[in-house]
Amino acid sequence: MFKASSPLFSGLLWKIPWRISQPQKARQRKRLRTVDRVVDTISAALARNGQKARSVDRWYREMPREEEMLPKDKYTLFDKKEKTYRKGIHKLPKWTRVSQRVNPPGF
């Protein structure tokens, strides 16, 4: 009547590891550098045409570049529900698509 399978017996079968792996870190750094390169390309193209964009200027003002970021900010994000107020970035759904460059200061 009751068949003890892994999902039924112990709950959710797939689990997220508590630490981000080295290949995931490398891919995260590569994504951040790619975004920096795209913004640089757009800015250079606009400058060649003698134009400016407020959004690009705001990006340069507010967002740190990949090499300027601390490892804490590259691989973790602020979460008020966590004990240390930080959570691994790989635990955020769709973390490869969302920019998480700016966190509250001091956390």
Foldseek 3Di string as FASTA:
>chain_A
DDDDDPCVPPNDDDDDDQDDDPVVLVVLLVLLQVVVVVLVVVQVVQVVVVHDDPVSVVCVVPFDGSVPADPQQSFWAADPVDPVRIGGLVVDVPSSPDDRRDHDPPD
